[in-house]
N, C-alpha and C. Protein backbone atom coordinates (compact mmCIF):
# COMPACT_ATOMS: atom_id res chain seq x y z
N MET A 1 98.12 50.09 99.80
CA MET A 1 97.26 51.18 99.09
C MET A 1 98.11 51.72 97.79
N MET A 2 97.39 52.05 96.91
CA MET A 2 98.05 52.78 95.85
C MET A 2 97.92 54.18 95.77
N PRO A 3 99.07 54.94 95.61
CA PRO A 3 98.96 56.39 95.63
C PRO A 3 98.04 56.86 94.42
N TRP A 4 97.49 57.98 94.92
CA TRP A 4 96.54 58.63 94.03
C TRP A 4 97.12 59.13 92.76
N GLY A 5 98.42 59.52 92.78
CA GLY A 5 99.01 60.03 91.48
C GLY A 5 99.16 58.76 90.48
N LYS A 6 99.38 57.52 90.91
CA LYS A 6 99.40 56.39 90.11
C LYS A 6 98.16 56.13 89.45
N ILE A 7 97.01 56.14 90.26
CA ILE A 7 95.86 56.13 89.77
C ILE A 7 95.19 57.16 88.74
N CYS A 8 95.57 58.28 88.78
CA CYS A 8 95.36 59.40 87.77
C CYS A 8 96.13 59.12 86.60
N ALA A 9 97.32 58.75 86.88
CA ALA A 9 98.18 58.41 85.45
C ALA A 9 97.65 57.23 84.69
N ALA A 10 97.18 56.15 85.39
CA ALA A 10 96.72 55.03 84.83
C ALA A 10 95.32 55.39 83.97
N LYS A 11 94.72 56.23 84.66
CA LYS A 11 93.34 56.53 83.92
C LYS A 11 93.62 57.40 82.79
N LYS A 12 94.73 58.35 82.70
CA LYS A 12 95.10 59.09 81.56
C LYS A 12 95.43 58.24 80.45
N ARG A 13 96.33 57.22 80.75
CA ARG A 13 96.77 56.29 79.88
C ARG A 13 95.44 55.49 79.29
N LEU A 14 94.69 55.15 80.09
CA LEU A 14 93.47 54.27 79.56
C LEU A 14 92.63 54.99 78.55
N THR A 15 92.55 56.24 78.37
CA THR A 15 91.64 56.74 77.43
C THR A 15 92.17 56.65 76.08
N ILE A 16 93.54 56.27 76.02
CA ILE A 16 94.08 55.82 74.86
C ILE A 16 93.44 54.59 74.12
N TYR A 17 93.17 53.62 75.07
CA TYR A 17 92.61 52.38 74.60
C TYR A 17 91.36 52.15 75.12
N GLU A 18 90.49 52.86 74.24
CA GLU A 18 88.87 52.96 74.74
C GLU A 18 88.21 51.52 74.73
N LYS A 19 88.71 50.67 73.90
CA LYS A 19 88.18 49.29 73.84
C LYS A 19 88.28 48.61 75.24
N VAL A 20 89.57 48.74 75.65
CA VAL A 20 89.94 48.12 77.10
C VAL A 20 89.23 48.70 78.11
N ALA A 21 88.98 50.18 78.14
CA ALA A 21 88.20 50.66 79.17
C ALA A 21 86.68 50.36 79.13
N ASN A 22 86.10 49.97 77.94
CA ASN A 22 84.96 49.66 77.82
C ASN A 22 84.61 48.12 77.81
N TRP A 23 85.63 47.48 78.01
CA TRP A 23 85.59 45.86 78.07
C TRP A 23 84.48 45.21 78.93
N ASP A 24 83.73 44.50 78.41
CA ASP A 24 82.55 43.82 79.29
C ASP A 24 83.05 42.46 79.65
N ASP A 25 83.37 42.42 80.94
CA ASP A 25 83.88 40.98 81.55
C ASP A 25 83.04 40.31 82.23
N SER A 26 81.60 40.24 81.86
CA SER A 26 80.57 39.78 82.50
C SER A 26 80.79 38.22 82.58
N ALA A 27 81.43 37.67 81.41
CA ALA A 27 81.62 36.14 81.35
C ALA A 27 82.59 35.70 82.34
N GLY A 28 83.67 36.43 82.60
CA GLY A 28 84.75 36.35 83.51
C GLY A 28 84.09 36.31 84.78
N GLU A 29 83.15 37.39 85.20
CA GLU A 29 82.62 37.22 86.54
C GLU A 29 81.69 36.26 86.83
N ASP A 30 81.01 35.75 85.73
CA ASP A 30 80.04 34.65 86.05
C ASP A 30 80.89 33.35 86.10
N ALA A 31 82.05 33.09 85.49
CA ALA A 31 82.98 31.84 85.70
C ALA A 31 83.48 32.00 86.93
N PHE A 32 83.91 33.02 87.45
CA PHE A 32 84.38 33.19 89.05
C PHE A 32 83.27 32.78 90.18
N LYS A 33 82.17 33.45 89.79
CA LYS A 33 81.24 33.18 90.69
C LYS A 33 80.78 31.65 90.92
N ASN A 34 80.66 31.05 89.57
CA ASN A 34 80.53 29.41 89.56
C ASN A 34 81.41 28.80 90.24
N ALA A 35 82.94 29.17 89.74
CA ALA A 35 83.81 28.41 90.55
C ALA A 35 83.84 28.62 92.04
N LYS A 36 83.51 29.66 92.61
CA LYS A 36 83.39 30.04 93.95
C LYS A 36 82.26 29.11 94.67
N ALA A 37 81.28 29.05 93.88
CA ALA A 37 80.14 28.21 94.46
C ALA A 37 80.68 26.91 94.44
N ARG A 38 80.92 26.28 93.38
CA ARG A 38 81.61 25.06 93.18
C ARG A 38 82.55 24.67 94.46
N TYR A 39 83.61 25.47 94.75
CA TYR A 39 84.58 25.35 95.68
C TYR A 39 83.94 25.27 97.03
N TRP A 40 82.89 26.40 97.30
CA TRP A 40 82.34 26.33 98.79
C TRP A 40 81.54 25.00 99.00
N ALA A 41 80.89 24.64 97.98
CA ALA A 41 80.12 23.41 98.18
C ALA A 41 80.93 22.26 98.41
N THR A 42 82.12 22.10 97.75
CA THR A 42 82.97 21.14 98.00
C THR A 42 83.71 21.06 99.35
N ILE A 43 84.15 22.19 99.82
CA ILE A 43 84.72 22.19 100.83
C ILE A 43 83.64 22.04 102.39
N ASN A 44 82.54 22.27 101.94
CA ASN A 44 81.51 22.20 103.14
C ASN A 44 80.72 20.84 102.93
N GLY A 45 81.04 20.00 101.72
CA GLY A 45 80.24 18.68 101.75
C GLY A 45 78.83 18.75 101.39
N LEU A 46 78.71 19.87 100.49
CA LEU A 46 77.38 20.23 99.89
C LEU A 46 77.23 20.05 98.35
N PRO A 47 76.23 19.38 98.04
CA PRO A 47 75.83 19.12 96.57
C PRO A 47 75.80 20.47 95.91
N CYS A 48 76.59 20.41 94.79
CA CYS A 48 76.48 21.43 93.63
C CYS A 48 76.12 21.11 92.26
N HIS A 49 75.12 21.79 91.85
CA HIS A 49 74.59 21.45 90.59
C HIS A 49 74.99 22.19 89.30
N ILE A 50 76.14 23.19 89.67
CA ILE A 50 76.76 23.86 88.55
C ILE A 50 77.67 23.46 87.95
N PRO A 51 77.71 22.88 86.63
CA PRO A 51 78.39 22.09 85.96
C PRO A 51 79.81 22.70 85.62
N LEU A 52 80.74 21.83 85.50
CA LEU A 52 82.15 22.60 85.01
C LEU A 52 82.11 23.06 83.75
N PRO A 53 83.07 24.14 83.47
CA PRO A 53 83.02 24.55 82.10
C PRO A 53 83.60 23.77 81.27
N ASP A 54 83.12 23.86 79.95
CA ASP A 54 83.60 22.81 78.86
C ASP A 54 84.94 23.38 78.44
N PRO A 55 86.05 22.38 78.66
CA PRO A 55 87.30 22.59 78.38
C PRO A 55 87.67 23.02 76.81
N ASP A 56 86.71 22.53 75.96
CA ASP A 56 87.06 22.52 74.41
C ASP A 56 86.19 23.57 73.96
N ALA A 57 85.61 24.38 74.83
CA ALA A 57 84.60 25.33 74.34
C ALA A 57 85.16 26.33 73.07
N TYR A 58 86.47 26.57 73.22
CA TYR A 58 87.02 27.39 71.98
C TYR A 58 87.87 26.68 71.24
N ILE A 59 87.84 25.40 71.10
CA ILE A 59 88.66 24.54 70.31
C ILE A 59 87.77 23.90 69.31
N ASP A 60 87.94 24.14 67.94
CA ASP A 60 86.99 23.58 66.96
C ASP A 60 87.45 22.08 66.87
N VAL A 61 88.68 21.62 66.65
CA VAL A 61 89.08 20.32 66.45
C VAL A 61 90.23 20.06 67.31
N VAL A 62 90.16 18.94 68.01
CA VAL A 62 91.15 18.57 68.93
C VAL A 62 92.04 17.32 68.52
N ASP A 63 93.24 17.46 68.01
CA ASP A 63 93.94 16.25 67.48
C ASP A 63 94.64 15.58 68.69
N HIS A 64 93.99 14.57 69.19
CA HIS A 64 94.58 13.60 70.39
C HIS A 64 95.92 13.00 70.05
N ASP A 65 96.09 12.80 68.78
CA ASP A 65 97.31 11.97 68.34
C ASP A 65 98.39 12.85 67.65
N ALA A 66 98.37 14.00 68.23
CA ALA A 66 99.32 14.91 67.50
C ALA A 66 100.78 14.63 67.72
N VAL A 67 101.71 14.81 66.92
CA VAL A 67 103.06 14.38 67.02
C VAL A 67 103.92 15.73 67.52
N ILE A 68 104.66 15.61 68.54
CA ILE A 68 105.29 16.74 68.89
C ILE A 68 106.81 16.91 68.29
N ASP A 69 107.09 17.90 67.82
CA ASP A 69 108.64 18.03 67.21
C ASP A 69 109.39 18.61 68.36
N ASN A 70 110.24 17.72 68.80
CA ASN A 70 111.18 18.15 70.09
C ASN A 70 112.03 19.45 69.68
N GLN A 71 112.59 19.36 68.44
CA GLN A 71 113.43 20.42 68.06
C GLN A 71 112.56 21.68 68.00
N GLN A 72 111.54 21.79 67.59
CA GLN A 72 110.60 23.18 67.40
C GLN A 72 110.20 23.39 68.91
N ASP A 73 109.96 22.56 69.64
CA ASP A 73 109.69 22.76 71.03
C ASP A 73 110.85 23.19 71.92
N SER A 74 111.82 22.90 71.56
CA SER A 74 113.20 23.30 72.29
C SER A 74 113.46 24.69 71.89
N PHE A 75 113.03 25.13 70.56
CA PHE A 75 113.31 26.58 69.99
C PHE A 75 112.48 27.41 70.66
N TYR A 76 111.17 27.03 70.72
CA TYR A 76 110.29 28.02 71.53
C TYR A 76 110.49 28.08 72.97
N SER A 77 111.12 27.09 73.45
CA SER A 77 111.41 27.08 75.09
C SER A 77 112.35 28.07 75.17
N GLY A 78 113.51 27.97 74.19
CA GLY A 78 114.69 29.01 74.41
C GLY A 78 114.36 30.30 74.27
N ARG A 79 113.40 30.60 73.23
CA ARG A 79 112.90 31.94 72.84
C ARG A 79 112.04 32.60 74.33
N LYS A 80 111.33 31.54 74.89
CA LYS A 80 110.53 32.10 76.14
C LYS A 80 111.42 32.41 77.05
N ALA A 81 112.49 31.58 77.44
CA ALA A 81 113.44 32.03 78.62
C ALA A 81 114.13 33.25 78.29
N LYS A 82 114.43 33.55 77.08
CA LYS A 82 114.90 34.93 76.84
C LYS A 82 113.95 36.18 77.01
N ASN A 83 112.75 35.72 76.59
CA ASN A 83 111.84 36.84 76.98
C ASN A 83 111.39 37.19 78.24
N GLU A 84 111.63 36.17 79.10
CA GLU A 84 111.29 36.19 80.42
C GLU A 84 112.34 37.12 81.17
N ASP A 85 113.52 37.14 80.56
CA ASP A 85 114.71 37.89 81.24
C ASP A 85 114.45 39.41 81.15
N LEU A 86 113.69 39.96 80.20
CA LEU A 86 113.50 41.16 79.71
C LEU A 86 112.84 42.03 80.89
């Protein structure tokens, strides 16, 4: 359980970020409910007519033949490891 003081402190800081406080996350809620319904149908052996979400919904063009530069990849991997230590 979270102490009341932490809840009040978080509420005070949240007023600085008004867009975060008013964020409408109904799409996330719908996705969660659909995934839960698909899971429930699968584990109980029932048919489910809710389609899986489109994995490319927010990608305009997918380059399936992209060449990966290993030197650049190792550069970013090293930076990520350093940032995780913070």
